[in-house]
N, C-alpha and C. Protein backbone atom coordinates (compact mmCIF):
# COMPACT_ATOMS: atom_id res chain seq x y z
N UNK A 1 -26.88 -23.06 28.33
CA UNK A 1 -26.62 -21.86 29.38
C UNK A 1 -25.73 -22.07 30.85
N UNK A 2 -25.10 -21.05 30.87
CA UNK A 2 -24.60 -21.53 32.50
C UNK A 2 -25.10 -21.33 32.87
N UNK A 3 -23.97 -21.30 34.23
CA UNK A 3 -24.82 -21.67 36.01
C UNK A 3 -25.08 -20.09 36.46
N UNK A 4 -24.36 -19.29 35.83
CA UNK A 4 -24.59 -17.50 36.29
C UNK A 4 -26.52 -17.72 35.63
N UNK A 5 -26.43 -18.04 34.45
CA UNK A 5 -27.88 -17.25 33.54
C UNK A 5 -28.85 -18.14 34.11
N UNK A 6 -28.43 -19.70 34.76
CA UNK A 6 -29.60 -20.26 35.38
C UNK A 6 -29.78 -20.37 36.63
N UNK A 7 -28.76 -19.75 37.62
CA UNK A 7 -29.07 -20.18 39.00
C UNK A 7 -29.09 -18.12 39.95
N UNK A 8 -28.70 -17.79 38.91
CA UNK A 8 -28.31 -16.32 39.95
C UNK A 8 -28.96 -15.33 38.86
N UNK A 9 -29.03 -15.45 37.47
CA UNK A 9 -30.00 -14.41 36.62
C UNK A 9 -31.18 -14.36 37.17
N UNK A 10 -31.71 -15.32 37.71
CA UNK A 10 -33.43 -15.49 37.31
C UNK A 10 -33.84 -14.92 38.95
N UNK A 11 -33.39 -15.12 39.76
CA UNK A 11 -33.55 -14.13 40.96
C UNK A 11 -33.10 -12.30 41.09
N UNK A 12 -31.86 -12.74 40.91
CA UNK A 12 -31.65 -10.80 40.43
C UNK A 12 -32.91 -10.68 39.54
N UNK A 13 -33.18 -11.06 38.47
CA UNK A 13 -34.56 -10.11 37.43
C UNK A 13 -35.28 -10.24 38.47
N UNK A 14 -35.75 -11.10 38.89
CA UNK A 14 -37.15 -11.60 39.56
C UNK A 14 -37.14 -10.45 40.41
N UNK A 15 -35.79 -9.65 41.02
CA UNK A 15 -36.11 -8.60 42.37
C UNK A 15 -35.67 -7.39 41.63
N UNK A 16 -35.34 -7.55 40.68
CA UNK A 16 -35.17 -5.91 39.94
C UNK A 16 -36.64 -6.03 39.34
N UNK A 17 -37.47 -6.43 38.77
CA UNK A 17 -38.40 -6.39 37.94
C UNK A 17 -39.31 -6.22 39.14
N UNK A 18 -39.64 -6.27 39.98
CA UNK A 18 -40.76 -6.38 41.58
C UNK A 18 -40.32 -4.52 42.29
N UNK A 19 -39.45 -4.17 41.81
CA UNK A 19 -38.90 -2.73 42.46
C UNK A 19 -40.46 -1.83 42.39
N UNK A 20 -40.00 -0.81 43.00
CA UNK A 20 -41.78 0.36 43.60
C UNK A 20 -41.26 0.59 41.61
N UNK A 21 -40.66 1.32 41.85
CA UNK A 21 -41.10 2.31 40.30
C UNK A 21 -42.15 1.29 38.92
N UNK A 22 -40.89 0.26 38.72
CA UNK A 22 -41.20 -0.70 37.82
C UNK A 22 -43.25 -1.21 38.54
N UNK A 23 -43.15 -1.76 39.63
CA UNK A 23 -44.29 -2.27 39.77
C UNK A 23 -45.26 -0.82 39.81
N UNK A 24 -45.10 0.32 40.29
CA UNK A 24 -46.01 1.64 39.71
C UNK A 24 -46.35 1.30 38.01
N UNK A 25 -45.95 1.55 37.48
CA UNK A 25 -45.53 1.42 36.05
C UNK A 25 -46.68 -0.07 35.70
N UNK A 26 -46.50 -0.71 35.87
CA UNK A 26 -47.47 -1.70 35.35
C UNK A 26 -48.83 -2.11 36.54
N UNK A 27 -49.04 -1.05 37.10
CA UNK A 27 -50.41 -0.51 37.63
C UNK A 27 -51.09 -0.14 36.42
N UNK A 28 -50.11 0.72 35.77
CA UNK A 28 -50.83 2.10 35.10
C UNK A 28 -51.35 1.20 33.54
N UNK A 29 -50.45 0.26 33.46
CA UNK A 29 -50.44 -0.26 31.98
C UNK A 29 -51.63 -1.53 32.27
N UNK A 30 -50.89 -2.49 32.67
CA UNK A 30 -51.66 -3.70 32.73
C UNK A 30 -53.23 -4.01 33.19
N UNK A 31 -54.31 -3.12 33.55
CA UNK A 31 -55.19 -3.22 33.51
C UNK A 31 -56.17 -2.47 32.18
N UNK A 32 -55.17 -1.67 30.90
CA UNK A 32 -55.95 -1.80 30.01
C UNK A 32 -55.85 -2.97 29.22
N UNK A 33 -55.19 -3.79 29.43
CA UNK A 33 -55.72 -5.15 28.87
C UNK A 33 -57.09 -6.27 28.76
N UNK A 34 -57.15 -6.70 27.46
CA UNK A 34 -58.59 -7.17 27.61
C UNK A 34 -58.96 -8.55 26.82
N UNK A 35 -59.72 -9.03 26.69
CA UNK A 35 -59.83 -10.49 26.33
C UNK A 35 -58.61 -11.17 26.22
N UNK A 36 -58.49 -11.43 25.11
CA UNK A 36 -57.39 -13.06 24.94
C UNK A 36 -55.81 -12.49 24.90
N UNK A 37 -55.40 -12.10 25.73
CA UNK A 37 -53.98 -11.66 25.72
C UNK A 37 -52.65 -12.64 25.27
N UNK A 38 -51.89 -11.82 25.17
CA UNK A 38 -50.75 -12.79 24.79
C UNK A 38 -49.70 -11.66 25.21
N UNK A 39 -48.88 -12.03 26.66
CA UNK A 39 -48.23 -11.56 27.20
C UNK A 39 -46.33 -11.92 26.50
N UNK A 40 -45.50 -11.13 26.63
CA UNK A 40 -44.35 -11.68 25.89
C UNK A 40 -43.59 -11.16 26.73
N UNK A 41 -42.54 -12.04 27.32
CA UNK A 41 -41.57 -12.36 28.10
C UNK A 41 -42.37 -12.33 29.83
N UNK A 42 -43.67 -12.78 30.40
CA UNK A 42 -44.09 -13.49 31.07
C UNK A 42 -43.16 -13.35 32.52
N UNK A 43 -41.99 -13.77 32.48
CA UNK A 43 -41.47 -13.45 33.32
C UNK A 43 -41.71 -14.42 34.85
N UNK A 44 -41.56 -14.10 35.71
CA UNK A 44 -41.94 -14.23 37.19
C UNK A 44 -43.20 -13.89 37.63
N UNK A 45 -43.96 -13.40 36.52
CA UNK A 45 -45.71 -13.43 36.56
C UNK A 45 -45.78 -12.21 37.41
N UNK A 46 -45.32 -11.04 37.08
CA UNK A 46 -44.94 -9.50 38.15
C UNK A 46 -46.34 -9.31 37.79
N UNK A 47 -46.74 -9.10 36.05
CA UNK A 47 -47.93 -8.43 36.04
C UNK A 47 -49.64 -8.89 36.42
N UNK A 48 -49.41 -9.76 37.06
CA UNK A 48 -50.90 -11.23 36.58
C UNK A 48 -51.19 -10.62 37.61
N UNK A 49 -51.09 -9.72 39.11
CA UNK A 49 -52.15 -9.29 39.62
C UNK A 49 -52.44 -7.65 39.42
N UNK A 50 -52.01 -7.64 38.61
CA UNK A 50 -52.42 -5.99 37.93
C UNK A 50 -53.34 -6.67 36.98
N UNK A 51 -53.91 -7.48 36.00
CA UNK A 51 -54.72 -8.03 34.89
C UNK A 51 -56.46 -8.06 35.68
N UNK A 52 -57.14 -7.56 35.09
CA UNK A 52 -58.91 -7.31 35.13
C UNK A 52 -59.32 -8.44 34.68
N UNK A 53 -59.37 -8.94 35.93
CA UNK A 53 -60.07 -10.43 35.34
C UNK A 53 -61.63 -10.12 34.61
N UNK A 54 -62.72 -9.39 34.84
CA UNK A 54 -63.94 -8.90 34.69
C UNK A 54 -63.39 -8.08 32.87
N UNK A 55 -62.25 -8.43 32.56
CA UNK A 55 -62.08 -7.65 31.25
C UNK A 55 -60.93 -9.10 29.99
N UNK A 56 -60.26 -10.29 31.05
CA UNK A 56 -59.62 -10.40 30.35
C UNK A 56 -59.78 -11.94 30.67
N UNK A 57 -60.24 -12.85 29.63
CA UNK A 57 -60.36 -13.82 29.28
C UNK A 57 -59.55 -15.08 29.20
N UNK A 58 -58.34 -14.78 28.88
CA UNK A 58 -57.09 -15.42 29.00
C UNK A 58 -55.51 -15.02 28.68
N UNK A 59 -54.36 -16.09 29.10
CA UNK A 59 -53.37 -15.08 28.64
C UNK A 59 -52.48 -16.64 28.24
N UNK A 60 -52.03 -16.27 26.87
CA UNK A 60 -50.65 -16.71 27.17
C UNK A 60 -49.25 -16.27 27.43
N UNK A 61 -48.62 -16.61 28.72
CA UNK A 61 -47.42 -16.07 29.22
C UNK A 61 -46.44 -16.93 28.04
N UNK A 62 -45.50 -15.57 27.57
CA UNK A 62 -44.69 -16.56 26.60
C UNK A 62 -43.43 -15.78 27.61
N UNK A 63 -42.42 -17.58 27.77
CA UNK A 63 -41.58 -17.10 28.86
C UNK A 63 -40.13 -18.41 28.13
N UNK A 64 -39.45 -17.71 28.07
CA UNK A 64 -38.71 -18.94 27.31
C UNK A 64 -37.99 -19.51 28.12
N UNK A 65 -37.44 -18.73 29.67
CA UNK A 65 -36.26 -19.74 30.71
C UNK A 65 -37.46 -20.10 31.17
N UNK A 66 -37.13 -21.30 31.70
CA UNK A 66 -37.89 -22.38 32.42
C UNK A 66 -37.92 -21.89 33.89
N UNK A 67 -36.76 -21.59 34.37
CA UNK A 67 -36.51 -20.88 36.00
C UNK A 67 -37.11 -19.83 35.82
N UNK A 68 -37.39 -19.22 34.54
CA UNK A 68 -39.12 -17.78 35.35
C UNK A 68 -40.10 -18.64 35.70
N UNK A 69 -40.55 -19.50 34.87
CA UNK A 69 -41.42 -19.81 34.54
C UNK A 69 -41.35 -20.90 35.76
N UNK A 70 -40.82 -21.19 36.53
CA UNK A 70 -41.02 -21.84 37.86
C UNK A 70 -41.08 -20.77 38.57
N UNK A 71 -41.14 -19.68 38.99
CA UNK A 71 -41.30 -18.51 39.53
C UNK A 71 -42.15 -17.86 39.92
N UNK A 72 -42.83 -18.23 38.13
CA UNK A 72 -44.03 -17.52 38.06
C UNK A 72 -45.73 -18.99 38.61
N UNK A 73 -44.81 -19.83 38.60
CA UNK A 73 -46.22 -20.94 39.13
C UNK A 73 -47.02 -20.25 40.12
N UNK A 74 -46.44 -20.06 41.36
CA UNK A 74 -47.46 -19.34 42.50
C UNK A 74 -48.08 -18.48 41.59
N UNK A 75 -47.99 -17.52 41.47
CA UNK A 75 -48.69 -16.53 41.33
C UNK A 75 -49.88 -16.63 40.04
N UNK A 76 -48.81 -17.58 39.25
CA UNK A 76 -50.46 -18.41 38.12
C UNK A 76 -51.30 -19.11 38.52
N UNK A 77 -51.07 -19.99 40.06
CA UNK A 77 -52.27 -20.81 40.78
C UNK A 77 -53.15 -19.89 41.92
N UNK A 78 -52.32 -18.94 41.18
CA UNK A 78 -52.92 -18.00 42.28
C UNK A 78 -54.72 -16.44 41.98
N UNK A 79 -54.15 -17.66 40.23
CA UNK A 79 -55.08 -15.82 39.35
C UNK A 79 -56.25 -16.89 39.25
N UNK A 80 -57.29 -16.22 38.41
CA UNK A 80 -58.71 -16.45 38.08
C UNK A 80 -58.73 -16.34 36.55
N UNK A 81 -57.78 -16.50 36.11
CA UNK A 81 -57.95 -16.00 34.73
C UNK A 81 -56.81 -17.15 34.17
N UNK A 82 -57.54 -17.68 33.06
CA UNK A 82 -56.65 -18.83 32.72
C UNK A 82 -55.47 -18.83 31.95
N UNK A 83 -54.29 -19.61 32.12
CA UNK A 83 -53.22 -18.80 31.90
C UNK A 83 -52.48 -20.08 31.15
N UNK A 84 -51.76 -19.99 29.95
CA UNK A 84 -51.00 -21.01 29.22
C UNK A 84 -49.35 -21.36 29.19
N UNK A 85 -48.63 -21.20 29.67
CA UNK A 85 -47.36 -21.18 28.95
C UNK A 85 -47.26 -21.32 27.50
N UNK A 86 -45.75 -20.51 26.92
CA UNK A 86 -45.63 -21.11 25.40
C UNK A 86 -43.77 -20.45 26.51
N UNK A 87 -43.36 -21.83 26.07
CA UNK A 87 -41.49 -22.06 26.46
C UNK A 87 -40.85 -21.45 25.03
N UNK A 88 -41.42 -20.58 24.39
CA UNK A 88 -40.66 -19.86 23.48
C UNK A 88 -39.97 -18.43 23.20
N UNK A 89 -39.06 -18.51 22.73
CA UNK A 89 -38.78 -17.03 22.78
C UNK A 89 -39.62 -15.90 21.85
N UNK A 90 -39.35 -14.63 22.27
CA UNK A 90 -40.64 -13.87 21.36
C UNK A 90 -40.80 -14.05 20.03
N UNK A 91 -39.45 -14.42 19.34
CA UNK A 91 -39.02 -14.45 18.05
C UNK A 91 -40.21 -15.22 17.44
N UNK A 92 -40.61 -16.35 17.89
CA UNK A 92 -41.65 -17.68 17.98
C UNK A 92 -42.60 -18.37 18.51
N UNK A 93 -43.60 -17.53 18.12
CA UNK A 93 -44.95 -17.24 18.75
C UNK A 93 -46.18 -18.20 17.38
N UNK A 94 -46.17 -19.51 18.73
CA UNK A 94 -46.72 -20.36 18.13
C UNK A 94 -48.26 -20.07 18.05
N UNK A 95 -48.73 -19.14 17.38
CA UNK A 95 -49.96 -18.69 17.49
C UNK A 95 -50.49 -18.57 15.52
N UNK A 96 -51.87 -18.33 15.85
CA UNK A 96 -51.96 -18.37 14.60
C UNK A 96 -52.28 -16.70 13.69
N UNK A 97 -52.48 -16.47 12.62
CA UNK A 97 -52.48 -14.48 12.67
C UNK A 97 -54.00 -14.36 13.09
N UNK A 98 -53.95 -12.78 13.65
CA UNK A 98 -54.86 -12.66 14.12
C UNK A 98 -55.53 -13.20 15.39
N UNK A 99 -55.29 -13.91 16.64
CA UNK A 99 -55.30 -14.36 17.50
C UNK A 99 -56.02 -13.95 18.94
N UNK A 100 -54.97 -12.90 18.80
CA UNK A 100 -55.20 -11.90 20.11
C UNK A 100 -55.84 -10.87 20.48
N UNK A 101 -56.83 -10.52 21.31
CA UNK A 101 -56.72 -9.07 20.82
C UNK A 101 -56.14 -7.70 21.84
N UNK A 102 -55.22 -8.75 22.60
CA UNK A 102 -54.11 -8.04 23.16
C UNK A 102 -52.76 -8.60 23.06
N UNK A 103 -51.84 -7.53 22.70
CA UNK A 103 -50.42 -8.11 22.71
C UNK A 103 -50.09 -7.22 24.18
N UNK A 104 -49.29 -8.04 25.68
CA UNK A 104 -48.47 -7.00 25.91
C UNK A 104 -46.81 -7.42 26.70
N UNK A 105 -46.15 -6.23 26.35
CA UNK A 105 -45.22 -6.34 26.27
C UNK A 105 -44.56 -5.56 27.24
N UNK A 106 -43.64 -5.70 28.66
CA UNK A 106 -42.65 -4.86 29.48
C UNK A 106 -42.18 -4.98 29.96
N UNK A 107 -40.80 -4.42 29.53
CA UNK A 107 -39.60 -4.37 30.66
C UNK A 107 -39.20 -6.04 29.45
N UNK A 108 -39.39 -5.86 27.88
CA UNK A 108 -38.72 -7.24 27.45
C UNK A 108 -38.15 -6.84 26.20
N UNK A 109 -38.55 -6.26 25.36
CA UNK A 109 -37.65 -5.51 24.14
C UNK A 109 -36.59 -5.35 24.40
N UNK A 110 -35.92 -5.25 25.40
CA UNK A 110 -34.36 -4.48 25.75
C UNK A 110 -33.72 -5.86 25.64
N UNK A 111 -34.15 -7.12 25.72
CA UNK A 111 -33.37 -7.99 25.83
C UNK A 111 -33.46 -9.21 24.52
N UNK A 112 -35.13 -9.10 24.01
CA UNK A 112 -34.86 -9.86 22.51
C UNK A 112 -33.73 -9.68 21.84
N UNK A 113 -33.55 -10.70 21.56
CA UNK A 113 -32.33 -10.86 20.59
C UNK A 113 -32.53 -10.01 18.64
N UNK A 114 -33.28 -10.66 18.51
CA UNK A 114 -34.15 -10.27 16.98
C UNK A 114 -35.19 -9.37 16.82
N UNK A 115 -35.19 -8.33 18.05
CA UNK A 115 -36.20 -7.82 18.40
C UNK A 115 -36.83 -7.56 17.09
N UNK A 116 -36.35 -6.76 16.01
CA UNK A 116 -37.31 -6.49 14.90
C UNK A 116 -38.12 -7.72 14.39
N UNK A 117 -37.94 -9.16 14.42
CA UNK A 117 -38.96 -10.02 14.41
C UNK A 117 -39.91 -10.15 15.20
N UNK A 118 -38.68 -10.50 16.38
CA UNK A 118 -40.04 -10.37 17.07
C UNK A 118 -41.16 -9.53 17.05
N UNK A 119 -41.45 -8.20 17.36
CA UNK A 119 -42.42 -7.36 16.98
C UNK A 119 -43.02 -7.39 16.00
N UNK A 120 -42.55 -8.23 14.76
CA UNK A 120 -43.27 -8.56 13.16
C UNK A 120 -44.40 -9.63 13.76
N UNK A 121 -43.60 -10.56 14.94
CA UNK A 121 -44.54 -12.02 15.21
C UNK A 121 -45.82 -11.67 16.05
N UNK A 122 -45.67 -11.02 16.87
CA UNK A 122 -46.12 -9.44 17.74
C UNK A 122 -47.63 -8.89 16.70
N UNK A 123 -46.89 -8.22 15.94
CA UNK A 123 -47.98 -7.95 14.47
C UNK A 123 -49.08 -9.01 14.15
N UNK A 124 -48.35 -10.70 13.58
CA UNK A 124 -48.74 -10.97 13.23
C UNK A 124 -50.28 -11.50 13.83
N UNK A 125 -49.56 -11.74 14.87
CA UNK A 125 -50.80 -12.60 15.81
C UNK A 125 -51.73 -11.70 16.44
N UNK A 126 -51.51 -10.24 16.16
CA UNK A 126 -52.65 -9.45 16.79
C UNK A 126 -54.05 -9.13 16.14
N UNK A 127 -55.36 -9.28 16.29
CA UNK A 127 -56.67 -8.87 15.55
C UNK A 127 -55.97 -7.50 14.98
N UNK A 128 -57.00 -7.28 14.22
CA UNK A 128 -56.62 -6.28 13.59
C UNK A 128 -57.12 -4.96 14.21
N UNK A 129 -58.53 -5.00 15.05
CA UNK A 129 -58.95 -3.69 15.59
C UNK A 129 -57.96 -3.94 17.11
N UNK A 130 -56.99 -4.93 17.34
CA UNK A 130 -56.50 -4.95 18.56
C UNK A 130 -55.47 -4.00 18.99
N UNK A 131 -54.52 -3.96 20.34
CA UNK A 131 -54.20 -3.45 20.72
C UNK A 131 -53.17 -4.20 21.45
N UNK A 132 -51.63 -3.63 21.32
CA UNK A 132 -50.50 -3.61 21.70
C UNK A 132 -49.98 -2.77 22.97
N UNK A 133 -49.94 -2.92 23.81
CA UNK A 133 -49.57 -2.29 25.29
C UNK A 133 -48.00 -2.35 25.99
N UNK A 134 -47.33 -1.72 25.61
CA UNK A 134 -46.16 -1.78 25.76
C UNK A 134 -45.64 -0.65 27.13
N UNK A 135 -44.32 -0.87 27.69
CA UNK A 135 -43.68 0.05 29.21
C UNK A 135 -42.76 -0.76 28.90
N UNK A 136 -41.86 0.35 28.86
CA UNK A 136 -39.99 -0.66 27.99
C UNK A 136 -39.42 0.58 28.76
N UNK A 137 -38.39 0.45 29.19
CA UNK A 137 -37.04 1.73 29.51
C UNK A 137 -36.49 1.33 27.89
N UNK A 138 -35.20 2.57 27.28
CA UNK A 138 -34.59 2.69 26.35
C UNK A 138 -34.03 3.51 26.27
N UNK A 139 -33.90 4.59 24.94
CA UNK A 139 -33.29 5.35 24.69
C UNK A 139 -33.68 6.69 25.53
N UNK A 140 -32.64 7.21 25.98
CA UNK A 140 -32.49 8.60 27.03
C UNK A 140 -32.81 9.75 25.65
N UNK A 141 -33.35 10.58 26.24
CA UNK A 141 -33.08 11.91 25.53
C UNK A 141 -32.18 12.58 25.33
N UNK A 142 -31.57 12.87 26.44
CA UNK A 142 -30.19 13.42 26.99
C UNK A 142 -28.86 13.25 26.60
N UNK A 143 -28.18 13.55 25.50
CA UNK A 143 -27.43 12.94 25.07
C UNK A 143 -26.70 12.66 26.32
N UNK A 144 -26.12 13.09 27.19
CA UNK A 144 -25.16 12.41 27.94
C UNK A 144 -25.44 11.66 28.74
N UNK A 145 -26.86 11.20 28.68
CA UNK A 145 -27.09 9.75 29.41
C UNK A 145 -27.02 8.76 28.56
N UNK A 146 -28.11 9.40 27.17
CA UNK A 146 -27.50 8.18 25.85
C UNK A 146 -25.92 8.12 25.73
N UNK A 147 -24.99 8.66 25.69
CA UNK A 147 -23.77 7.73 25.84
C UNK A 147 -23.15 7.63 26.96
N UNK A 148 -23.97 7.16 28.06
CA UNK A 148 -23.48 6.40 29.17
C UNK A 148 -24.21 4.85 29.11
N UNK A 149 -25.24 4.99 28.25
CA UNK A 149 -26.10 3.95 27.66
C UNK A 149 -25.25 3.00 26.78
N UNK A 150 -24.85 3.74 26.07
CA UNK A 150 -23.51 3.53 24.68
C UNK A 150 -22.51 2.56 25.97
N UNK A 151 -21.95 3.45 26.13
CA UNK A 151 -20.96 3.11 27.02
C UNK A 151 -20.86 1.84 27.87
N UNK A 152 -21.58 1.72 28.65
CA UNK A 152 -22.57 0.65 29.27
C UNK A 152 -22.93 -1.03 28.88
N UNK A 153 -23.85 -0.15 27.65
CA UNK A 153 -24.49 -1.40 27.11
C UNK A 153 -23.67 -2.72 27.29
N UNK A 154 -22.62 -3.18 26.71
CA UNK A 154 -21.37 -4.90 26.40
C UNK A 154 -21.57 -5.11 27.56
N UNK A 155 -21.75 -4.45 28.57
CA UNK A 155 -20.80 -4.84 30.28
C UNK A 155 -22.61 -5.10 30.61
N UNK A 156 -23.48 -4.61 30.62
CA UNK A 156 -24.67 -4.43 30.97
C UNK A 156 -25.38 -5.40 30.48
N UNK A 157 -25.11 -5.91 29.01
CA UNK A 157 -25.69 -7.40 28.43
C UNK A 157 -25.60 -8.51 28.96
N UNK A 158 -24.39 -8.63 29.38
CA UNK A 158 -23.78 -9.74 30.03
C UNK A 158 -23.94 -9.69 31.42
N UNK A 159 -24.84 -8.76 31.98
CA UNK A 159 -24.90 -8.97 33.77
C UNK A 159 -26.46 -9.40 33.24
N UNK A 160 -27.14 -8.64 32.82
CA UNK A 160 -28.56 -8.27 32.80
C UNK A 160 -29.66 -8.96 31.81
N UNK A 161 -28.70 -10.41 31.45
CA UNK A 161 -29.61 -10.95 30.64
C UNK A 161 -30.05 -11.08 29.09
N UNK A 162 -28.83 -10.10 28.35
CA UNK A 162 -29.10 -9.62 27.02
C UNK A 162 -29.78 -8.13 27.25
N UNK A 163 -29.69 -7.17 28.49
CA UNK A 163 -30.77 -6.70 28.25
C UNK A 163 -29.71 -5.12 27.38
N UNK A 164 -30.37 -4.35 26.38
CA UNK A 164 -29.45 -3.05 25.66
C UNK A 164 -30.37 -2.33 26.77
N UNK A 165 -29.37 -1.24 26.79
CA UNK A 165 -30.19 -0.04 27.56
C UNK A 165 -30.43 1.50 27.06
N UNK A 166 -30.27 1.11 25.30
CA UNK A 166 -30.55 2.49 24.52
C UNK A 166 -31.30 1.85 23.33
N UNK A 167 -31.89 1.08 23.21
CA UNK A 167 -33.05 0.68 22.13
C UNK A 167 -34.02 1.49 21.85
N UNK A 168 -34.21 2.59 20.90
CA UNK A 168 -35.03 3.17 20.69
C UNK A 168 -36.51 3.01 20.33
N UNK A 169 -37.20 2.91 20.96
CA UNK A 169 -38.66 2.08 21.34
C UNK A 169 -39.01 2.50 20.64
N UNK A 170 -39.98 3.64 20.61
CA UNK A 170 -40.93 4.23 19.20
C UNK A 170 -40.70 4.04 18.31
N UNK A 171 -39.20 3.87 17.88
CA UNK A 171 -38.42 3.83 16.12
C UNK A 171 -38.79 2.11 16.25
N UNK A 172 -38.58 1.42 16.72
CA UNK A 172 -38.75 -0.05 16.92
C UNK A 172 -39.87 -0.93 16.41
N UNK A 173 -41.29 -0.09 17.18
CA UNK A 173 -42.30 -0.32 17.27
C UNK A 173 -42.87 0.05 16.01
N UNK A 174 -42.80 1.31 15.45
CA UNK A 174 -43.37 1.82 14.59
C UNK A 174 -42.73 1.74 13.23
N UNK A 175 -41.54 0.72 13.37
CA UNK A 175 -40.88 0.18 12.06
C UNK A 175 -41.60 -0.89 11.64
N UNK A 176 -41.70 -1.82 12.92
CA UNK A 176 -42.52 -3.06 12.80
C UNK A 176 -43.79 -3.03 12.46
N UNK A 177 -44.28 -2.01 11.92
CA UNK A 177 -45.84 -2.20 11.46
C UNK A 177 -46.99 -1.72 12.32
N UNK A 178 -46.28 -0.96 13.21
CA UNK A 178 -47.41 -0.42 14.48
C UNK A 178 -47.45 1.36 14.10
N UNK A 179 -48.82 1.44 14.67
CA UNK A 179 -48.89 2.96 14.53
C UNK A 179 -49.00 3.47 16.49
N UNK A 180 -47.57 3.68 16.88
CA UNK A 180 -48.41 4.33 18.62
C UNK A 180 -49.44 4.98 18.69
N UNK A 181 -50.62 5.01 19.24
CA UNK A 181 -51.76 5.94 19.06
C UNK A 181 -51.48 6.91 20.50
N UNK A 182 -50.85 6.11 21.53
CA UNK A 182 -50.66 7.34 22.85
C UNK A 182 -49.29 6.91 23.46
N UNK A 183 -48.39 7.70 24.04
CA UNK A 183 -47.55 7.00 24.16
C UNK A 183 -46.87 8.16 25.93
N UNK A 184 -46.45 7.85 26.59
CA UNK A 184 -45.45 8.88 27.72
C UNK A 184 -44.28 8.64 28.05
N UNK A 185 -43.51 9.46 28.48
CA UNK A 185 -42.48 8.92 28.68
C UNK A 185 -41.92 9.74 30.02
N UNK A 186 -40.71 9.25 30.70
CA UNK A 186 -40.20 10.08 31.44
C UNK A 186 -39.11 9.06 32.27
N UNK A 187 -38.06 9.86 33.19
CA UNK A 187 -37.58 8.68 33.80
C UNK A 187 -37.61 8.83 35.04
N UNK A 188 -37.67 6.86 35.02
CA UNK A 188 -38.69 6.80 36.59
C UNK A 188 -37.53 6.85 37.89
N UNK A 189 -38.15 7.32 39.65
CA UNK A 189 -38.13 7.80 40.24
C UNK A 189 -36.84 7.18 40.74
N UNK A 190 -35.52 7.13 41.41
CA UNK A 190 -35.14 6.17 41.73
C UNK A 190 -34.54 4.52 41.18
N UNK A 191 -34.82 5.28 40.11
CA UNK A 191 -33.79 4.44 38.97
C UNK A 191 -32.58 4.89 38.44
N UNK A 192 -31.16 4.35 38.22
CA UNK A 192 -30.33 5.12 37.60
C UNK A 192 -31.02 5.73 36.29
N UNK A 193 -30.77 7.13 35.98
CA UNK A 193 -31.00 7.66 34.72
C UNK A 193 -30.62 6.74 33.67
N UNK A 194 -28.93 5.71 33.27
CA UNK A 194 -29.18 5.39 32.54
C UNK A 194 -29.97 4.28 31.98
N UNK A 195 -30.43 4.31 32.81
CA UNK A 195 -31.70 2.29 33.22
C UNK A 195 -33.23 3.03 33.30
N UNK A 196 -33.28 3.70 33.44
CA UNK A 196 -34.14 5.04 33.76
C UNK A 196 -35.62 5.17 33.27
N UNK A 197 -35.03 5.56 31.49
CA UNK A 197 -36.04 6.39 31.23
C UNK A 197 -37.17 5.85 30.01
N UNK A 198 -38.30 5.53 30.36
CA UNK A 198 -39.32 4.46 30.16
C UNK A 198 -40.16 5.35 29.45
N UNK A 199 -40.94 4.20 28.48
CA UNK A 199 -41.83 4.63 27.59
C UNK A 199 -43.02 3.96 27.85
N UNK A 200 -44.31 4.23 27.93
CA UNK A 200 -45.13 3.05 28.30
C UNK A 200 -46.51 3.44 26.76
N UNK A 201 -46.71 3.05 27.01
CA UNK A 201 -49.01 3.95 25.84
C UNK A 201 -49.08 2.46 25.12
N UNK A 202 -50.07 2.44 24.18
CA UNK A 202 -50.65 1.83 22.98
C UNK A 202 -50.64 1.94 22.14
N UNK A 203 -50.24 1.20 20.95
CA UNK A 203 -50.33 1.02 19.90
C UNK A 203 -51.40 -0.14 18.64
N UNK A 204 -51.42 0.06 17.73
CA UNK A 204 -52.42 -0.94 17.03
C UNK A 204 -51.35 -1.03 15.45
N UNK A 205 -52.08 -1.75 14.59
CA UNK A 205 -51.61 -2.34 13.79
C UNK A 205 -51.56 -0.95 12.70
N UNK A 206 -50.26 -0.98 11.28
CA UNK A 206 -51.17 0.40 10.66
C UNK A 206 -51.84 -0.42 9.91
C-alpha cells in the first residue's frame, strides 16, 4: 500500500461519502435493514446512525482498510447495536452459509476487484428469506454520459480507490443469483453526472 492509499485516500473517501446527496440516499435504504446484518464496505461507518436499533440486533462490519476501520470506531462506540469488524475484502466473507438476515451494500460494488465473486459470497451467507439492500452508483442510461464514464474510469480508479464509474449494477446483481424485487434510479442532484447515476433497492436469492 502506497502513501496515497494509506494517508490521503481515507480522508478523501470519508469526505466524499458524507456528501449531502449520498447521506440522503443512506437515510432511504439503511432503515430497511433487520435482524443480523452484514454490511459490505463499512468504511468510516457513515450508515451506522441510520440503522433502526429496534429492528437490527447485530452488525458484521466488513471493511478491509485499517485506516477506515479506525475512522469508524467513534461511530461504533456511540451505537447501541453490537458491531463486529471483519478485516477482509468482500470476496472473502468468513461467515457460514445462510447466516445474515440482511446484506447491506452502499457505494461499494464499484470498488471491489472481483465483484462477481463478492456478490456470490453475499448470496451464500444470506438466509433463504433474507434481503440484500443496495444503493450504488453505476452505468448511466445516457450514451453520452456512459461514454465519459468509460473514458474517465482508468484515471478515476487510480484516484478513487479502484472505483469503476460505469458498472452495470442490476445486471451484476442478477447474474450473481439474485432477483431484484424493487429498484429505483436517478441522477443524484449536486453530483457530476458521470459519477451520479444511482441505483437503490432490494434483492433476494433467486
